[in-house]
Protein backbone atom coordinates (compact mmCIF):
# COMPACT_ATOMS: atom_id res chain seq x y z
CA MET A 1 99.28 122.52 98.49
CA ILE A 2 100.54 120.55 101.41
CA TYR A 3 102.46 122.60 104.21
CA SER A 4 105.16 121.34 106.36
CA THR A 5 104.39 121.97 110.35
CA ALA A 6 107.83 123.37 110.95
CA PRO A 7 110.86 124.70 109.09
CA GLY A 8 113.18 121.89 108.23
CA ASP A 9 110.89 118.86 108.20
CA GLY A 10 111.75 118.25 104.46
CA VAL A 11 108.07 117.38 103.40
CA GLY A 12 107.90 116.02 99.87
CA ILE A 13 111.55 114.78 99.41
CA SER A 14 109.85 111.97 98.06
CA VAL A 15 106.29 111.62 96.81
CA ALA A 16 104.16 108.64 95.72
CA VAL A 17 100.50 108.24 94.36
CA GLY A 18 98.60 104.84 94.91
CA ASP A 19 95.17 103.40 95.96
CA LEU A 20 95.96 102.44 99.58
CA ASP A 21 92.54 102.35 101.11
CA GLY A 22 90.86 100.62 98.14
CA ASP A 23 88.33 103.16 97.45
CA GLY A 24 89.29 103.27 93.74
CA ILE A 25 90.78 106.80 94.10
CA ASP A 26 94.41 107.44 94.24
CA ASP A 27 96.04 108.57 97.70
CA LEU A 28 98.77 111.01 97.76
CA LEU A 29 102.13 110.14 99.77
CA ALA A 30 104.54 112.64 100.69
CA ASP A 31 107.07 112.20 103.20
CA ALA A 32 108.67 114.22 106.01
CA PRO A 33 111.90 112.53 106.86
CA LEU A 34 113.30 115.01 108.99
CA GLU A 35 110.22 115.79 111.06
CA ASN A 36 110.79 115.86 114.66
CA THR A 37 107.85 117.60 116.48
CA GLY A 38 105.71 114.10 116.60
CA ASP A 39 103.15 115.31 114.26
CA LEU A 40 103.42 112.43 111.68
CA THR A 41 101.49 109.31 112.06
CA TYR A 42 104.35 106.54 110.95
CA PHE A 43 107.67 106.62 112.73
CA GLY A 44 110.71 104.31 112.40
CA LEU A 45 111.40 102.19 114.95
CA CYS A 46 113.67 104.46 117.06
CA SER A 47 114.31 108.34 116.90
CA GLY A 48 116.42 109.42 114.08
CA ASP A 49 115.74 106.46 111.74
CA VAL A 50 114.54 109.16 109.08
CA ALA A 51 111.67 106.93 108.13
CA GLY A 52 110.21 108.03 105.00
CA LEU A 53 112.96 109.50 103.26
CA SER A 54 111.75 107.15 100.28
CA VAL A 55 108.09 106.24 99.99
CA ALA A 56 106.33 104.07 97.40
CA ALA A 57 102.91 102.62 96.62
CA ALA A 58 102.92 99.07 95.00
CA ASP A 59 101.28 95.83 94.94
CA LEU A 60 104.12 94.04 96.67
CA ASN A 61 102.42 90.61 97.68
CA GLY A 62 100.38 90.00 94.47
CA ASP A 63 97.05 90.78 95.96
CA ARG A 64 96.16 93.52 93.45
CA ARG A 65 95.98 95.89 96.00
CA LYS A 66 98.55 98.99 96.88
CA ASN A 67 101.01 98.56 99.71
CA LEU A 68 102.96 101.42 101.15
CA ALA A 69 106.86 101.17 101.15
CA LEU A 70 109.09 103.29 103.46
CA GLY A 71 112.77 103.45 103.48
CA ALA A 72 114.45 104.55 106.86
CA LEU A 73 118.19 105.54 105.96
CA GLN A 74 119.62 105.76 109.05
CA ALA A 75 117.80 102.94 111.04
CA ASP A 76 120.08 100.54 113.13
CA ARG A 77 118.29 97.27 112.62
CA ARG A 78 116.01 95.92 115.94
CA ASP A 79 119.13 94.93 117.91
CA ASP A 80 121.08 98.15 116.97
CA SER A 81 123.98 95.71 115.63
CA SER A 82 124.35 97.89 112.14
CA PRO A 83 124.42 101.53 112.94
CA ASP A 84 122.76 103.60 110.07
CA ALA A 85 122.63 100.54 107.80
CA GLY A 86 119.08 101.59 107.10
CA GLU A 87 116.01 99.45 106.82
CA PHE A 88 112.83 98.98 104.48
CA TYR A 89 109.23 98.86 105.93
CA VAL A 90 106.30 97.20 104.04
CA ILE A 91 102.81 98.02 105.18
CA LEU A 92 100.24 95.63 103.55
CA GLN A 93 96.68 97.01 102.73
CA GLN A 94 93.99 94.89 104.70
């Protein structure tokens, strides 16, 4: 069982499974897009991006290893030119 650290974090709104560390065993990905206590490892570029509202594990670059994909619903672009337009982050496995 996976529990949130605080009420309202939204843990598990989106979940995915994939071998992200290359050990041959699938890893569980669970988001907490509304978390605001600083307990998570990954954040969007700015506070309030809602990074992790969607998560996925897939081979996105053809190297036969799973990569992590995160959606950030309310991200504003790096230059803040598009308020709440959203962003999509891809983290490649090394």
